Structure formats: C-alpha cells, structure tokens
Amino acid sequence: MEHRTLDSVLDWFKKAVEDRQPIDAHNWIEAAMMMNLFLGDEQGKLFIKEQMVAQERQKALEAQNMTVAKAKVIVEASDAFMETRVLKAKIDRVIEFIRLAKVMARSAQEEFKSN
C-alpha cells in the first residue's frame, strides 16, 4: 500500500480534474475521510507556525522597543508569516473540498438511484 498524505490525495484529484476523468462517489467519500484525518496534522503545523509568528512579534516589541504597528508590519513581511498564511489557505481549501466531496457523493448516489 502506498504512503498517503494530504498532498498526495490533493494531487490525485487535481490530476483527475485536469485530465477530465470521472470521479465516482466512492472516491469522493474516501478522499473526504482521508483528508479529514490528515487535516489534524495540518492544523497542528498551523498552530506551531502561528506561535512562531507571535514569538517574532513579541521579540520585536521587547528587544527593539517598537510600536505594535511597526512590529506587525515587520512580522507580516517575514517568511514565517507567509508560510502561516499559505498553510491557513491550504486548510481552508481542504475543508471546502470535504464539503464538496460530500455533495458530489450524494449527487452521484442520487444519480445512481434514478437510473
């Protein structure tokens, strides 16, 4: 069995969409279940990144005697802040994917029943 990750599931679906391959209800549900499991890991990474950004802000405020606004601007220009935003966006996409997967699975099931 191949090692699955959140990124491998997303990549598989992206390729299927790009290649215009039909995706059956089983694949939608299975992907939603896997993504839901992997989502906790991504959220854990996000919390760590957010803490790192907060610590950067704290250091800037304490060490350099800055205003809050200036510290915020400096921190938001950092790579750690950008990584946090990218991770947050990825989590949002996964949550929306799970919602859409449920709808697609129901739709496919209803289509199957009507035939």
C-alpha atoms as a PDB file:
ATOM      1  CA  MET A   1       0.000   0.000   0.000  1.00  0.00           C
ATOM      2  CA  GLU A   2       1.386   3.369  -0.984  1.00  0.00           C
ATOM      3  CA  HIS A   3       2.079   6.025   1.628  1.00  0.00           C
ATOM      4  CA  ARG A   4      -0.721   8.574   1.502  1.00  0.00           C
ATOM      5  CA  THR A   5      -0.534  12.165   2.551  1.00  0.00           C
ATOM      6  CA  LEU A   6      -2.851  15.114   2.269  1.00  0.00           C
ATOM      7  CA  ASP A   7      -0.783  16.403  -0.634  1.00  0.00           C
ATOM      8  CA  SER A   8      -0.886  13.058  -2.476  1.00  0.00           C
ATOM      9  CA  VAL A   9      -4.696  12.973  -2.217  1.00  0.00           C
ATOM     10  CA  LEU A  10      -4.967  16.569  -3.421  1.00  0.00           C
ATOM     11  CA  ASP A  11      -2.542  15.865  -6.282  1.00  0.00           C
ATOM     12  CA  TRP A  12      -4.539  12.800  -7.375  1.00  0.00           C
ATOM     13  CA  PHE A  13      -7.762  14.800  -7.510  1.00  0.00           C
ATOM     14  CA  LYS A  14      -6.093  17.714  -9.276  1.00  0.00           C
ATOM     15  CA  LYS A  15      -4.743  15.379 -11.947  1.00  0.00           C
ATOM     16  CA  ALA A  16      -8.136  13.682 -12.332  1.00  0.00           C
ATOM     17  CA  VAL A  17      -9.804  17.064 -12.816  1.00  0.00           C
ATOM     18  CA  GLU A  18      -7.132  18.260 -15.255  1.00  0.00           C
ATOM     19  CA  ASP A  19      -7.495  15.024 -17.241  1.00  0.00           C
ATOM     20  CA  ARG A  20     -11.302  15.276 -17.075  1.00  0.00           C
ATOM     21  CA  GLN A  21     -11.580  11.821 -15.514  1.00  0.00           C
ATOM     22  CA  PRO A  22     -14.917  10.918 -13.943  1.00  0.00           C
ATOM     23  CA  ILE A  23     -14.722  10.525 -10.163  1.00  0.00           C
ATOM     24  CA  ASP A  24     -17.170   8.100  -8.578  1.00  0.00           C
ATOM     25  CA  ALA A  25     -18.956   8.543  -5.242  1.00  0.00           C
ATOM     26  CA  HIS A  26     -16.688   6.045  -3.500  1.00  0.00           C
ATOM     27  CA  ASN A  27     -13.573   8.069  -4.383  1.00  0.00           C
ATOM     28  CA  TRP A  28     -15.189  11.297  -3.168  1.00  0.00           C
ATOM     29  CA  ILE A  29     -16.093   9.763   0.194  1.00  0.00           C
ATOM     30  CA  GLU A  30     -12.755   8.013   0.612  1.00  0.00           C
ATOM     31  CA  ALA A  31     -10.878  11.220  -0.164  1.00  0.00           C
ATOM     32  CA  ALA A  32     -13.016  13.210   2.285  1.00  0.00           C
ATOM     33  CA  MET A  33     -12.311  10.654   5.023  1.00  0.00           C
ATOM     34  CA  MET A  34      -8.562  10.691   4.380  1.00  0.00           C
ATOM     35  CA  MET A  35      -8.441  14.469   4.201  1.00  0.00           C
ATOM     36  CA  ASN A  36     -10.366  14.750   7.430  1.00  0.00           C
ATOM     37  CA  LEU A  37      -7.754  12.536   9.098  1.00  0.00           C
ATOM     38  CA  PHE A  38      -4.817  14.465   7.653  1.00  0.00           C
ATOM     39  CA  LEU A  39      -6.423  17.807   8.473  1.00  0.00           C
ATOM     40  CA  GLY A  40      -5.474  17.468  12.134  1.00  0.00           C
ATOM     41  CA  ASP A  41      -1.789  17.249  11.207  1.00  0.00           C
ATOM     42  CA  GLU A  42      -2.028  20.379   9.072  1.00  0.00           C
ATOM     43  CA  GLN A  43      -3.846  22.251  11.820  1.00  0.00           C
ATOM     44  CA  GLY A  44      -1.114  21.229  14.269  1.00  0.00           C
ATOM     45  CA  LYS A  45       1.511  22.637  11.889  1.00  0.00           C
ATOM     46  CA  LEU A  46      -0.503  25.843  11.625  1.00  0.00           C
ATOM     47  CA  PHE A  47      -0.664  26.287  15.398  1.00  0.00           C
ATOM     48  CA  ILE A  48       3.115  25.894  15.639  1.00  0.00           C
ATOM     49  CA  LYS A  49       3.657  28.437  12.841  1.00  0.00           C
ATOM     50  CA  GLU A  50       1.251  30.898  14.443  1.00  0.00           C
ATOM     51  CA  GLN A  51       3.122  30.568  17.731  1.00  0.00           C
ATOM     52  CA  MET A  52       6.422  31.237  15.946  1.00  0.00           C
ATOM     53  CA  VAL A  53       4.968  34.384  14.368  1.00  0.00           C
ATOM     54  CA  ALA A  54       3.641  35.562  17.730  1.00  0.00           C
ATOM     55  CA  GLN A  55       7.068  34.977  19.286  1.00  0.00           C
ATOM     56  CA  GLU A  56       8.685  37.022  16.485  1.00  0.00           C
ATOM     57  CA  ARG A  57       6.257  39.842  17.202  1.00  0.00           C
ATOM     58  CA  GLN A  58       6.990  39.631  20.922  1.00  0.00           C
ATOM     59  CA  LYS A  59      10.756  39.745  20.337  1.00  0.00           C
ATOM     60  CA  ALA A  60      10.421  42.755  18.064  1.00  0.00           C
ATOM     61  CA  LEU A  61       8.322  44.583  20.620  1.00  0.00           C
ATOM     62  CA  GLU A  62      10.618  43.810  23.553  1.00  0.00           C
ATOM     63  CA  ALA A  63      14.097  43.921  22.041  1.00  0.00           C
ATOM     64  CA  GLN A  64      13.757  46.835  19.695  1.00  0.00           C
ATOM     65  CA  ASN A  65      11.251  48.863  21.687  1.00  0.00           C
ATOM     66  CA  MET A  66       8.931  49.216  18.678  1.00  0.00           C
ATOM     67  CA  THR A  67       5.352  50.243  18.395  1.00  0.00           C
ATOM     68  CA  VAL A  68       2.823  47.470  17.913  1.00  0.00           C
ATOM     69  CA  ALA A  69       2.059  48.691  14.385  1.00  0.00           C
ATOM     70  CA  LYS A  70       5.707  48.660  13.327  1.00  0.00           C
ATOM     71  CA  ALA A  71       6.278  45.195  14.837  1.00  0.00           C
ATOM     72  CA  LYS A  72       3.194  43.935  12.987  1.00  0.00           C
ATOM     73  CA  VAL A  73       4.484  45.254   9.656  1.00  0.00           C
ATOM     74  CA  ILE A  74       7.914  43.694  10.192  1.00  0.00           C
ATOM     75  CA  VAL A  75       6.468  40.324  11.209  1.00  0.00           C
ATOM     76  CA  GLU A  76       3.995  40.276   8.318  1.00  0.00           C
ATOM     77  CA  ALA A  77       6.928  40.728   5.937  1.00  0.00           C
ATOM     78  CA  SER A  78       8.631  37.598   7.292  1.00  0.00           C
ATOM     79  CA  ASP A  79       8.802  34.174   5.662  1.00  0.00           C
ATOM     80  CA  ALA A  80       7.217  32.588   8.751  1.00  0.00           C
ATOM     81  CA  PHE A  81       4.144  34.805   8.373  1.00  0.00           C
ATOM     82  CA  MET A  82       3.864  33.913   4.671  1.00  0.00           C
ATOM     83  CA  GLU A  83       4.155  30.189   5.483  1.00  0.00           C
ATOM     84  CA  THR A  84       1.397  30.611   8.052  1.00  0.00           C
ATOM     85  CA  ARG A  85      -0.891  32.257   5.511  1.00  0.00           C
ATOM     86  CA  VAL A  86      -0.186  29.551   2.909  1.00  0.00           C
ATOM     87  CA  LEU A  87      -0.922  26.806   5.439  1.00  0.00           C
ATOM     88  CA  LYS A  88      -4.124  28.536   6.550  1.00  0.00           C
ATOM     89  CA  ALA A  89      -5.277  28.788   2.917  1.00  0.00           C
ATOM     90  CA  LYS A  90      -4.492  25.097   2.359  1.00  0.00           C
ATOM     91  CA  ILE A  91      -6.575  24.142   5.397  1.00  0.00           C
ATOM     92  CA  ASP A  92      -9.462  26.283   4.148  1.00  0.00           C
ATOM     93  CA  ARG A  93      -9.278  24.572   0.732  1.00  0.00           C
ATOM     94  CA  VAL A  94      -9.279  21.129   2.344  1.00  0.00           C
ATOM     95  CA  ILE A  95     -12.317  21.963   4.488  1.00  0.00           C
ATOM     96  CA  GLU A  96     -14.166  23.187   1.396  1.00  0.00           C
ATOM     97  CA  PHE A  97     -13.038  20.086  -0.541  1.00  0.00           C
ATOM     98  CA  ILE A  98     -14.523  17.860   2.165  1.00  0.00           C
ATOM     99  CA  ARG A  99     -17.836  19.743   1.937  1.00  0.00           C
ATOM    100  CA  LEU A 100     -17.855  19.461  -1.847  1.00  0.00           C
ATOM    101  CA  ALA A 101     -16.915  15.772  -1.694  1.00  0.00           C
ATOM    102  CA  LYS A 102     -19.987  15.089   0.429  1.00  0.00           C
ATOM    103  CA  VAL A 103     -22.199  16.918  -2.059  1.00  0.00           C
ATOM    104  CA  MET A 104     -20.619  15.146  -5.028  1.00  0.00           C
ATOM    105  CA  ALA A 105     -21.034  11.740  -3.370  1.00  0.00           C
ATOM    106  CA  ARG A 106     -24.702  12.420  -2.608  1.00  0.00           C
ATOM    107  CA  SER A 107     -25.239  13.640  -6.141  1.00  0.00           C
ATOM    108  CA  ALA A 108     -23.623  10.552  -7.626  1.00  0.00           C
ATOM    109  CA  GLN A 109     -25.662   8.326  -5.319  1.00  0.00           C
ATOM    110  CA  GLU A 110     -28.922  10.050  -6.332  1.00  0.00           C
ATOM    111  CA  GLU A 111     -27.989   9.727  -9.994  1.00  0.00           C
ATOM    112  CA  PHE A 112     -27.312   6.014  -9.490  1.00  0.00           C
ATOM    113  CA  LYS A 113     -30.688   5.529  -7.756  1.00  0.00           C
ATOM    114  CA  SER A 114     -32.573   7.291 -10.522  1.00  0.00           C
ATOM    115  CA  ASN A 115     -31.092   5.025 -13.213  1.00  0.00           C
END
